[in-house]
Amino acid sequence: EAASLFSTSALQRQKQPQTQQQQQQFFEPLGQTQQWGETNYYQLQKEEQTARLVPVNGFWADYAASSEQQHQQGAFVSRNFGEAASNYTEALLALAVLDLDFDEPKHQSKVADGVLDLTSAGTSVVFHKEIKPVERNPSSGVMVEQHHFDPLDSQVTNEDGEKSDKYVTDEFLVGK
C-alpha cells in the first residue's frame, strides 16, 4: 500500500506544471550580512567633535543677527557664505540654513560689450572670479624639483607603520 501511495504522489507531481513547482519555493538562504553603525561626523573622530567644529565667522554672525521674521519668510542669505567652508560639517550646516530655492528658477542673462547682466529669478548665491594682469617680479625664481624611485622597491614603512615613498639617492639606472 505504501508503494501505491508513493507512486500516486509521484504521478500528481508530474502532472503539476513546472512553473507551479518553482513558485512553491518560498525561502532562499542569504549570504553573510554585516552590521553598520554611524557614530561620528563625516571623517571625524569623536575627539575632534568639539565646539570648534563650526568656527565663528562672518556668515554665522549674519545668521545670528538675522531676525525670526526673516527666517519665517524664507529670506536669509548672507554675502559671507564663502566663509562657512572650513570643513564638511560647516558647509552642510550653512547650506541648510540658507533660504535657497529647492527648484532651479529660470534666470535671465545677457552679455553686451564684455559685461554680463544676470537677472535672478529667485534667491541665489553667485560666485565671481576675475583674472587681472600682474607685473612680473624679475627677482622671483622658479623652483623645479625631481625625484626618481624604483618601481620594484618604491615604498618604505617607518616606525609608526606609515608608508612613504622611497626615492633613489644613489645612481639612477634607466630601465632597471
N, C-alpha and C. Protein backbone atom coordinates (compact mmCIF):
# COMPACT_ATOMS: atom_id res chain seq x y z
N GLU A 1 0.82 -1.19 0.00
CA GLU A 1 0.00 0.00 0.00
C GLU A 1 0.87 1.26 0.00
N ALA A 2 2.03 1.24 0.71
CA ALA A 2 2.93 2.38 0.74
C ALA A 2 3.50 2.64 -0.64
N ALA A 3 3.74 1.56 -1.38
CA ALA A 3 4.28 1.71 -2.72
C ALA A 3 3.26 2.41 -3.62
N SER A 4 1.96 2.10 -3.44
CA SER A 4 0.95 2.73 -4.28
C SER A 4 0.80 4.22 -3.92
N LEU A 5 0.94 4.58 -2.62
CA LEU A 5 0.88 5.99 -2.23
C LEU A 5 2.04 6.76 -2.83
N PHE A 6 3.20 6.12 -2.78
CA PHE A 6 4.37 6.78 -3.34
C PHE A 6 4.21 7.03 -4.83
N SER A 7 3.72 6.03 -5.52
CA SER A 7 3.57 6.18 -6.97
C SER A 7 2.46 7.17 -7.29
N THR A 8 1.40 7.25 -6.47
CA THR A 8 0.31 8.20 -6.71
C THR A 8 0.81 9.63 -6.53
N SER A 9 1.58 9.90 -5.46
CA SER A 9 2.07 11.27 -5.23
C SER A 9 3.10 11.65 -6.30
N ALA A 10 3.87 10.70 -6.78
CA ALA A 10 4.84 10.98 -7.84
C ALA A 10 4.11 11.34 -9.13
N LEU A 11 2.99 10.65 -9.41
CA LEU A 11 2.19 10.96 -10.59
C LEU A 11 1.56 12.35 -10.49
N GLN A 12 1.10 12.71 -9.27
CA GLN A 12 0.49 14.02 -9.08
C GLN A 12 1.52 15.14 -9.29
N ARG A 13 2.74 14.91 -8.81
CA ARG A 13 3.79 15.93 -9.00
C ARG A 13 4.14 16.09 -10.47
N GLN A 14 4.11 15.01 -11.21
CA GLN A 14 4.43 15.10 -12.62
C GLN A 14 3.35 15.85 -13.39
N LYS A 15 2.11 15.77 -12.92
CA LYS A 15 1.01 16.43 -13.59
C LYS A 15 1.01 17.94 -13.36
N GLN A 16 1.61 18.43 -12.24
CA GLN A 16 1.63 19.86 -11.95
C GLN A 16 2.55 20.57 -12.94
N PRO A 17 2.13 21.73 -13.39
CA PRO A 17 3.03 22.49 -14.29
C PRO A 17 4.34 22.83 -13.57
N GLN A 18 5.39 22.93 -14.32
CA GLN A 18 6.71 23.16 -13.73
C GLN A 18 6.79 24.53 -13.06
N THR A 19 6.10 25.51 -13.59
CA THR A 19 6.15 26.85 -13.00
C THR A 19 5.55 26.86 -11.61
N GLN A 20 4.51 26.06 -11.37
CA GLN A 20 3.91 25.99 -10.04
C GLN A 20 4.89 25.37 -9.05
N GLN A 21 5.64 24.35 -9.46
CA GLN A 21 6.63 23.74 -8.59
C GLN A 21 7.70 24.76 -8.23
N GLN A 22 8.08 25.62 -9.18
CA GLN A 22 9.09 26.64 -8.91
C GLN A 22 8.56 27.70 -7.96
N GLN A 23 7.26 28.00 -8.02
CA GLN A 23 6.68 29.02 -7.17
C GLN A 23 6.56 28.56 -5.73
N GLN A 24 6.59 27.28 -5.46
CA GLN A 24 6.42 26.77 -4.11
C GLN A 24 7.66 27.00 -3.25
N GLN A 25 8.77 27.38 -3.81
CA GLN A 25 9.97 27.66 -3.02
C GLN A 25 9.87 29.08 -2.47
N PHE A 26 9.59 29.19 -1.16
CA PHE A 26 9.39 30.49 -0.53
C PHE A 26 10.63 31.04 0.13
N PHE A 27 11.53 30.21 0.55
CA PHE A 27 12.70 30.65 1.30
C PHE A 27 13.95 30.46 0.48
N GLU A 28 14.78 31.47 0.48
CA GLU A 28 16.07 31.39 -0.20
C GLU A 28 17.14 31.83 0.80
N PRO A 29 18.10 30.99 1.10
CA PRO A 29 19.11 31.37 2.09
C PRO A 29 19.95 32.56 1.60
N LEU A 30 20.23 33.48 2.52
CA LEU A 30 21.02 34.66 2.19
C LEU A 30 22.47 34.46 2.61
N GLY A 31 23.34 35.25 2.03
CA GLY A 31 24.75 35.21 2.41
C GLY A 31 24.97 35.90 3.75
N GLN A 32 26.21 35.96 4.16
CA GLN A 32 26.55 36.58 5.43
C GLN A 32 26.24 38.08 5.38
N THR A 33 25.67 38.61 6.44
CA THR A 33 25.33 40.03 6.49
C THR A 33 26.32 40.78 7.38
N GLN A 34 26.34 42.10 7.24
CA GLN A 34 27.21 42.94 8.05
C GLN A 34 26.36 43.98 8.74
N GLN A 35 26.77 44.35 9.94
CA GLN A 35 26.07 45.39 10.68
C GLN A 35 26.89 46.67 10.59
N TRP A 36 26.22 47.77 10.23
CA TRP A 36 26.88 49.05 10.09
C TRP A 36 26.25 50.02 11.07
N GLY A 37 27.06 50.87 11.64
CA GLY A 37 26.55 51.89 12.53
C GLY A 37 27.39 53.15 12.41
N GLU A 38 26.72 54.29 12.36
CA GLU A 38 27.44 55.56 12.24
C GLU A 38 27.47 56.21 13.62
N THR A 39 28.66 56.53 14.06
CA THR A 39 28.78 57.12 15.38
C THR A 39 29.47 58.47 15.37
N ASN A 40 30.03 58.88 14.26
CA ASN A 40 30.80 60.12 14.20
C ASN A 40 30.34 60.98 13.03
N TYR A 41 30.79 62.24 13.04
CA TYR A 41 30.60 63.08 11.88
C TYR A 41 31.48 62.56 10.76
N TYR A 42 31.24 63.02 9.54
CA TYR A 42 31.97 62.56 8.37
C TYR A 42 33.47 62.76 8.54
N GLN A 43 34.21 61.68 8.51
CA GLN A 43 35.67 61.63 8.59
C GLN A 43 36.23 62.38 9.81
N LEU A 44 35.50 62.36 10.92
CA LEU A 44 35.97 62.98 12.15
C LEU A 44 35.88 61.98 13.29
N GLN A 45 36.93 61.92 14.08
CA GLN A 45 36.92 61.09 15.26
C GLN A 45 36.16 61.82 16.36
N LYS A 46 35.74 61.08 17.38
CA LYS A 46 34.95 61.65 18.46
C LYS A 46 35.70 62.79 19.17
N GLU A 47 37.01 62.68 19.26
CA GLU A 47 37.82 63.71 19.94
C GLU A 47 37.81 65.03 19.17
N GLU A 48 37.58 64.97 17.86
CA GLU A 48 37.58 66.17 17.02
C GLU A 48 36.23 66.87 16.98
N GLN A 49 35.22 66.27 17.59
CA GLN A 49 33.87 66.83 17.57
C GLN A 49 33.68 67.77 18.76
N THR A 50 34.22 68.96 18.62
CA THR A 50 34.14 69.95 19.69
C THR A 50 33.40 71.18 19.19
N ALA A 51 33.29 72.18 20.04
CA ALA A 51 32.62 73.43 19.67
C ALA A 51 33.37 74.15 18.55
N ARG A 52 34.64 73.83 18.35
CA ARG A 52 35.43 74.47 17.30
C ARG A 52 35.16 73.87 15.92
N LEU A 53 34.30 72.88 15.85
CA LEU A 53 33.97 72.25 14.58
C LEU A 53 33.32 73.26 13.62
N VAL A 54 32.50 74.14 14.16
CA VAL A 54 31.88 75.21 13.38
C VAL A 54 32.37 76.53 13.96
N PRO A 55 33.44 77.11 13.39
CA PRO A 55 34.03 78.32 13.96
C PRO A 55 33.18 79.56 13.71
N VAL A 56 33.39 80.56 14.55
CA VAL A 56 32.71 81.84 14.40
C VAL A 56 33.33 82.58 13.22
N ASN A 57 32.47 83.09 12.33
CA ASN A 57 32.94 83.87 11.19
C ASN A 57 31.81 84.79 10.74
N GLY A 58 32.01 85.52 9.67
CA GLY A 58 31.03 86.49 9.19
C GLY A 58 29.69 85.88 8.84
N PHE A 59 29.69 84.67 8.28
CA PHE A 59 28.43 84.02 7.91
C PHE A 59 27.58 83.76 9.14
N TRP A 60 28.17 83.18 10.18
CA TRP A 60 27.40 82.84 11.38
C TRP A 60 27.01 84.10 12.15
N ALA A 61 27.80 85.16 12.05
CA ALA A 61 27.42 86.44 12.65
C ALA A 61 26.18 87.00 11.95
N ASP A 62 26.15 86.89 10.62
CA ASP A 62 24.97 87.33 9.86
C ASP A 62 23.74 86.51 10.24
N TYR A 63 23.94 85.21 10.40
CA TYR A 63 22.82 84.33 10.75
C TYR A 63 22.28 84.66 12.14
N ALA A 64 23.19 84.91 13.10
CA ALA A 64 22.77 85.26 14.46
C ALA A 64 22.05 86.61 14.49
N ALA A 65 22.47 87.54 13.63
CA ALA A 65 21.87 88.87 13.61
C ALA A 65 20.54 88.91 12.84
N SER A 66 20.26 87.90 12.04
CA SER A 66 19.02 87.90 11.27
C SER A 66 17.84 87.69 12.21
N SER A 67 16.69 88.19 11.80
CA SER A 67 15.52 88.14 12.67
C SER A 67 14.70 86.87 12.44
N GLU A 68 13.88 86.55 13.42
CA GLU A 68 12.97 85.41 13.30
C GLU A 68 12.01 85.61 12.15
N GLN A 69 11.61 86.85 11.91
CA GLN A 69 10.70 87.17 10.82
C GLN A 69 11.34 86.83 9.46
N GLN A 70 12.64 87.12 9.31
CA GLN A 70 13.34 86.77 8.07
C GLN A 70 13.31 85.27 7.84
N HIS A 71 13.52 84.49 8.91
CA HIS A 71 13.54 83.03 8.78
C HIS A 71 12.17 82.50 8.40
N GLN A 72 11.11 83.07 8.96
CA GLN A 72 9.76 82.61 8.64
C GLN A 72 9.39 82.96 7.20
N GLN A 73 9.89 84.06 6.70
CA GLN A 73 9.60 84.47 5.33
C GLN A 73 10.51 83.78 4.32
N GLY A 74 11.49 83.06 4.80
CA GLY A 74 12.43 82.39 3.90
C GLY A 74 13.32 83.38 3.20
N ALA A 75 13.93 84.30 3.96
CA ALA A 75 14.68 85.38 3.33
C ALA A 75 16.12 85.48 3.80
N PHE A 76 16.68 84.46 4.46
CA PHE A 76 18.05 84.59 4.95
C PHE A 76 19.06 84.21 3.88
N VAL A 77 19.88 85.17 3.49
CA VAL A 77 21.00 84.97 2.58
C VAL A 77 22.12 85.86 3.10
N SER A 78 23.35 85.37 3.04
CA SER A 78 24.49 86.13 3.54
C SER A 78 25.54 86.30 2.46
N ARG A 79 26.12 87.50 2.41
CA ARG A 79 27.24 87.75 1.50
C ARG A 79 28.48 86.98 1.94
N ASN A 80 28.52 86.57 3.19
CA ASN A 80 29.68 85.88 3.75
C ASN A 80 29.55 84.37 3.67
N PHE A 81 28.76 83.90 2.73
CA PHE A 81 28.53 82.45 2.57
C PHE A 81 29.83 81.67 2.39
N GLY A 82 30.76 82.23 1.65
CA GLY A 82 32.03 81.54 1.37
C GLY A 82 32.89 81.30 2.59
N GLU A 83 32.66 82.05 3.66
CA GLU A 83 33.45 81.86 4.89
C GLU A 83 33.05 80.59 5.63
N ALA A 84 31.88 80.07 5.37
CA ALA A 84 31.38 78.89 6.09
C ALA A 84 31.77 77.61 5.36
N ALA A 85 33.04 77.45 5.10
CA ALA A 85 33.50 76.26 4.37
C ALA A 85 34.78 75.70 4.95
N SER A 86 34.95 75.81 6.26
CA SER A 86 36.19 75.31 6.86
C SER A 86 36.23 73.79 6.92
N ASN A 87 35.05 73.13 6.89
CA ASN A 87 35.01 71.67 6.86
C ASN A 87 33.64 71.24 6.32
N TYR A 88 33.49 69.96 6.10
CA TYR A 88 32.29 69.38 5.51
C TYR A 88 31.05 69.67 6.35
N THR A 89 31.17 69.51 7.66
CA THR A 89 30.04 69.73 8.56
C THR A 89 29.55 71.16 8.49
N GLU A 90 30.48 72.12 8.53
CA GLU A 90 30.09 73.53 8.49
C GLU A 90 29.45 73.88 7.15
N ALA A 91 29.97 73.36 6.06
CA ALA A 91 29.42 73.66 4.74
C ALA A 91 27.98 73.15 4.62
N LEU A 92 27.72 71.93 5.08
CA LEU A 92 26.36 71.39 5.02
C LEU A 92 25.41 72.15 5.93
N LEU A 93 25.89 72.53 7.09
CA LEU A 93 25.06 73.31 8.01
C LEU A 93 24.73 74.67 7.41
N ALA A 94 25.68 75.31 6.77
CA ALA A 94 25.44 76.61 6.13
C ALA A 94 24.42 76.47 5.00
N LEU A 95 24.54 75.43 4.19
CA LEU A 95 23.56 75.21 3.11
C LEU A 95 22.16 74.95 3.68
N ALA A 96 22.11 74.31 4.84
CA ALA A 96 20.81 74.00 5.45
C ALA A 96 20.09 75.25 5.93
N VAL A 97 20.82 76.27 6.40
CA VAL A 97 20.15 77.47 6.93
C VAL A 97 19.94 78.54 5.88
N LEU A 98 20.60 78.44 4.73
CA LEU A 98 20.35 79.41 3.66
C LEU A 98 18.98 79.16 3.06
N ASP A 99 18.27 80.20 2.77
CA ASP A 99 16.94 80.06 2.18
C ASP A 99 17.04 80.13 0.65
N LEU A 100 17.63 79.08 0.08
CA LEU A 100 17.76 78.98 -1.37
C LEU A 100 16.59 78.18 -1.93
N ASP A 101 16.23 78.47 -3.16
CA ASP A 101 15.15 77.74 -3.81
C ASP A 101 15.55 76.29 -4.03
N PHE A 102 14.62 75.38 -3.76
CA PHE A 102 14.89 73.96 -3.98
C PHE A 102 14.91 73.65 -5.47
N ASP A 103 13.98 74.21 -6.21
CA ASP A 103 13.94 74.03 -7.66
C ASP A 103 14.76 75.13 -8.32
N GLU A 104 15.36 74.81 -9.45
CA GLU A 104 16.18 75.79 -10.15
C GLU A 104 15.30 76.77 -10.91
N PRO A 105 15.30 78.05 -10.50
CA PRO A 105 14.50 79.03 -11.23
C PRO A 105 15.17 79.38 -12.56
N LYS A 106 14.40 79.91 -13.49
CA LYS A 106 14.91 80.28 -14.81
C LYS A 106 15.46 81.71 -14.75
N HIS A 107 16.77 81.82 -14.69
CA HIS A 107 17.43 83.13 -14.65
C HIS A 107 17.57 83.67 -16.07
N GLN A 108 17.70 84.99 -16.17
CA GLN A 108 17.91 85.61 -17.46
C GLN A 108 19.30 86.22 -17.47
N SER A 109 20.04 85.99 -18.53
CA SER A 109 21.38 86.57 -18.64
C SER A 109 21.62 87.06 -20.06
N LYS A 110 22.40 88.13 -20.15
CA LYS A 110 22.79 88.63 -21.47
C LYS A 110 24.18 89.24 -21.35
N VAL A 111 24.95 89.11 -22.42
CA VAL A 111 26.30 89.65 -22.47
C VAL A 111 26.33 90.72 -23.55
N ALA A 112 26.81 91.90 -23.16
CA ALA A 112 26.92 93.00 -24.12
C ALA A 112 28.16 93.82 -23.78
N ASP A 113 29.02 94.03 -24.77
CA ASP A 113 30.26 94.81 -24.59
C ASP A 113 31.13 94.27 -23.46
N GLY A 114 31.21 92.96 -23.35
CA GLY A 114 32.06 92.34 -22.34
C GLY A 114 31.50 92.40 -20.93
N VAL A 115 30.21 92.74 -20.79
CA VAL A 115 29.57 92.84 -19.48
C VAL A 115 28.45 91.82 -19.40
N LEU A 116 28.43 91.04 -18.32
CA LEU A 116 27.38 90.06 -18.10
C LEU A 116 26.30 90.69 -17.24
N ASP A 117 25.07 90.64 -17.71
CA ASP A 117 23.94 91.15 -16.96
C ASP A 117 23.09 89.94 -16.59
N LEU A 118 23.00 89.65 -15.28
CA LEU A 118 22.28 88.47 -14.79
C LEU A 118 21.10 88.94 -13.96
N THR A 119 19.91 88.51 -14.35
CA THR A 119 18.70 88.80 -13.59
C THR A 119 18.23 87.50 -12.96
N SER A 120 18.29 87.43 -11.63
CA SER A 120 17.95 86.21 -10.91
C SER A 120 16.45 86.08 -10.77
N ALA A 121 15.94 84.89 -10.95
CA ALA A 121 14.52 84.62 -10.81
C ALA A 121 14.17 84.13 -9.40
N GLY A 122 15.16 84.06 -8.54
CA GLY A 122 14.93 83.60 -7.17
C GLY A 122 16.15 83.90 -6.32
N THR A 123 16.14 83.40 -5.10
CA THR A 123 17.27 83.58 -4.21
C THR A 123 18.46 82.81 -4.76
N SER A 124 19.62 83.45 -4.84
CA SER A 124 20.77 82.83 -5.48
C SER A 124 22.06 83.13 -4.73
N VAL A 125 23.02 82.27 -4.92
CA VAL A 125 24.39 82.50 -4.49
C VAL A 125 25.21 82.51 -5.77
N VAL A 126 25.93 83.60 -6.01
CA VAL A 126 26.70 83.76 -7.24
C VAL A 126 28.17 83.95 -6.88
N PHE A 127 29.04 83.18 -7.51
CA PHE A 127 30.48 83.32 -7.32
C PHE A 127 31.05 83.97 -8.57
N HIS A 128 32.00 84.85 -8.38
CA HIS A 128 32.59 85.59 -9.48
C HIS A 128 34.10 85.50 -9.38
N LYS A 129 34.75 85.22 -10.47
CA LYS A 129 36.21 85.15 -10.50
C LYS A 129 36.70 86.08 -11.58
N GLU A 130 37.69 86.88 -11.23
CA GLU A 130 38.23 87.82 -12.19
C GLU A 130 39.73 87.61 -12.29
N ILE A 131 40.24 87.59 -13.49
CA ILE A 131 41.67 87.43 -13.72
C ILE A 131 42.22 88.79 -14.13
N LYS A 132 43.23 89.22 -13.39
CA LYS A 132 43.84 90.53 -13.67
C LYS A 132 45.31 90.32 -14.01
N PRO A 133 45.86 91.15 -14.87
CA PRO A 133 47.30 91.03 -15.18
C PRO A 133 48.14 91.45 -13.97
N VAL A 134 49.27 90.79 -13.80
CA VAL A 134 50.18 91.07 -12.70
C VAL A 134 51.56 91.34 -13.28
N GLU A 135 52.22 92.31 -12.70
CA GLU A 135 53.59 92.60 -13.15
C GLU A 135 54.51 91.49 -12.65
N ARG A 136 55.40 91.07 -13.53
CA ARG A 136 56.35 90.00 -13.18
C ARG A 136 57.50 90.58 -12.38
N ASN A 137 57.83 89.90 -11.32
CA ASN A 137 58.96 90.31 -10.49
C ASN A 137 60.20 89.58 -11.03
N PRO A 138 61.16 90.30 -11.60
CA PRO A 138 62.33 89.64 -12.20
C PRO A 138 63.21 88.91 -11.17
N SER A 139 63.10 89.25 -9.90
CA SER A 139 63.94 88.59 -8.91
C SER A 139 63.34 87.28 -8.41
N SER A 140 62.08 87.01 -8.77
CA SER A 140 61.47 85.76 -8.31
C SER A 140 62.00 84.61 -9.16
N GLY A 141 62.37 83.53 -8.50
CA GLY A 141 62.92 82.37 -9.19
C GLY A 141 61.87 81.29 -9.38
N VAL A 142 62.22 80.33 -10.17
CA VAL A 142 61.35 79.19 -10.41
C VAL A 142 61.97 77.99 -9.72
N MET A 143 61.17 77.29 -8.96
CA MET A 143 61.68 76.12 -8.24
C MET A 143 61.22 74.86 -8.97
N VAL A 144 62.16 74.02 -9.35
CA VAL A 144 61.86 72.77 -10.02
C VAL A 144 62.44 71.65 -9.18
N GLU A 145 61.64 70.61 -8.95
CA GLU A 145 62.08 69.50 -8.12
C GLU A 145 61.78 68.21 -8.86
N GLN A 146 62.71 67.25 -8.79
CA GLN A 146 62.52 65.99 -9.49
C GLN A 146 62.98 64.87 -8.58
N HIS A 147 62.16 63.80 -8.51
CA HIS A 147 62.51 62.63 -7.69
C HIS A 147 62.41 61.39 -8.57
N HIS A 148 63.30 60.45 -8.33
CA HIS A 148 63.27 59.17 -9.04
C HIS A 148 63.05 58.08 -8.00
N PHE A 149 62.30 57.04 -8.39
CA PHE A 149 62.10 55.93 -7.48
C PHE A 149 62.12 54.63 -8.27
N ASP A 150 62.44 53.55 -7.56
CA ASP A 150 62.49 52.22 -8.15
C ASP A 150 61.10 51.60 -8.02
N PRO A 151 60.43 51.28 -9.13
CA PRO A 151 59.07 50.74 -9.04
C PRO A 151 58.99 49.40 -8.32
N LEU A 152 60.08 48.65 -8.28
CA LEU A 152 60.07 47.37 -7.58
C LEU A 152 60.30 47.55 -6.08
N ASP A 153 60.79 48.70 -5.67
CA ASP A 153 61.07 48.97 -4.26
C ASP A 153 60.73 50.44 -3.99
N SER A 154 59.43 50.79 -4.16
CA SER A 154 59.06 52.21 -4.15
C SER A 154 58.57 52.72 -2.80
N GLN A 155 58.25 51.85 -1.85
CA GLN A 155 57.74 52.33 -0.58
C GLN A 155 58.53 51.77 0.58
N VAL A 156 58.61 52.56 1.63
CA VAL A 156 59.28 52.15 2.85
C VAL A 156 58.31 52.40 4.00
N THR A 157 58.36 51.56 5.01
CA THR A 157 57.49 51.71 6.17
C THR A 157 58.31 52.24 7.32
N ASN A 158 57.88 53.35 7.92
CA ASN A 158 58.63 53.91 9.05
C ASN A 158 58.17 53.28 10.36
N GLU A 159 58.70 53.77 11.49
CA GLU A 159 58.42 53.17 12.79
C GLU A 159 56.95 53.28 13.19
N ASP A 160 56.23 54.29 12.69
CA ASP A 160 54.82 54.49 13.03
C ASP A 160 53.90 53.62 12.19
N GLY A 161 54.45 52.85 11.25
CA GLY A 161 53.65 52.00 10.39
C GLY A 161 53.10 52.70 9.16
N GLU A 162 53.49 53.94 8.93
CA GLU A 162 53.03 54.68 7.76
C GLU A 162 53.95 54.42 6.58
N LYS A 163 53.37 54.30 5.40
CA LYS A 163 54.16 54.08 4.19
C LYS A 163 54.48 55.42 3.55
N SER A 164 55.68 55.54 3.05
CA SER A 164 56.08 56.76 2.33
C SER A 164 56.93 56.35 1.14
N ASP A 165 57.10 57.28 0.21
CA ASP A 165 57.89 56.99 -0.99
C ASP A 165 59.36 56.86 -0.65
N LYS A 166 60.00 55.92 -1.31
CA LYS A 166 61.44 55.70 -1.13
C LYS A 166 62.12 56.14 -2.42
N TYR A 167 62.81 57.27 -2.36
CA TYR A 167 63.44 57.84 -3.54
C TYR A 167 64.84 57.25 -3.73
N VAL A 168 65.27 57.19 -4.98
CA VAL A 168 66.61 56.71 -5.31
C VAL A 168 67.59 57.84 -5.00
N THR A 169 68.54 57.56 -4.11
CA THR A 169 69.54 58.58 -3.76
C THR A 169 70.90 58.24 -4.36
N ASP A 170 71.08 56.97 -4.76
CA ASP A 170 72.33 56.57 -5.42
C ASP A 170 72.20 56.84 -6.91
N GLU A 171 73.02 56.19 -7.68
CA GLU A 171 72.99 56.36 -9.14
C GLU A 171 71.66 55.87 -9.70
N PHE A 172 71.04 56.65 -10.56
CA PHE A 172 69.78 56.28 -11.19
C PHE A 172 70.08 55.48 -12.44
N LEU A 173 69.59 54.22 -12.47
CA LEU A 173 69.83 53.34 -13.61
C LEU A 173 68.55 53.27 -14.44
N VAL A 174 68.64 53.68 -15.69
CA VAL A 174 67.49 53.68 -16.58
C VAL A 174 67.19 52.23 -16.99
N GLY A 175 65.90 51.87 -17.00
CA GLY A 175 65.49 50.55 -17.47
C GLY A 175 65.78 49.43 -16.49
N LYS A 176 66.02 49.74 -15.25
CA LYS A 176 66.32 48.71 -14.24
C LYS A 176 65.14 47.83 -14.03
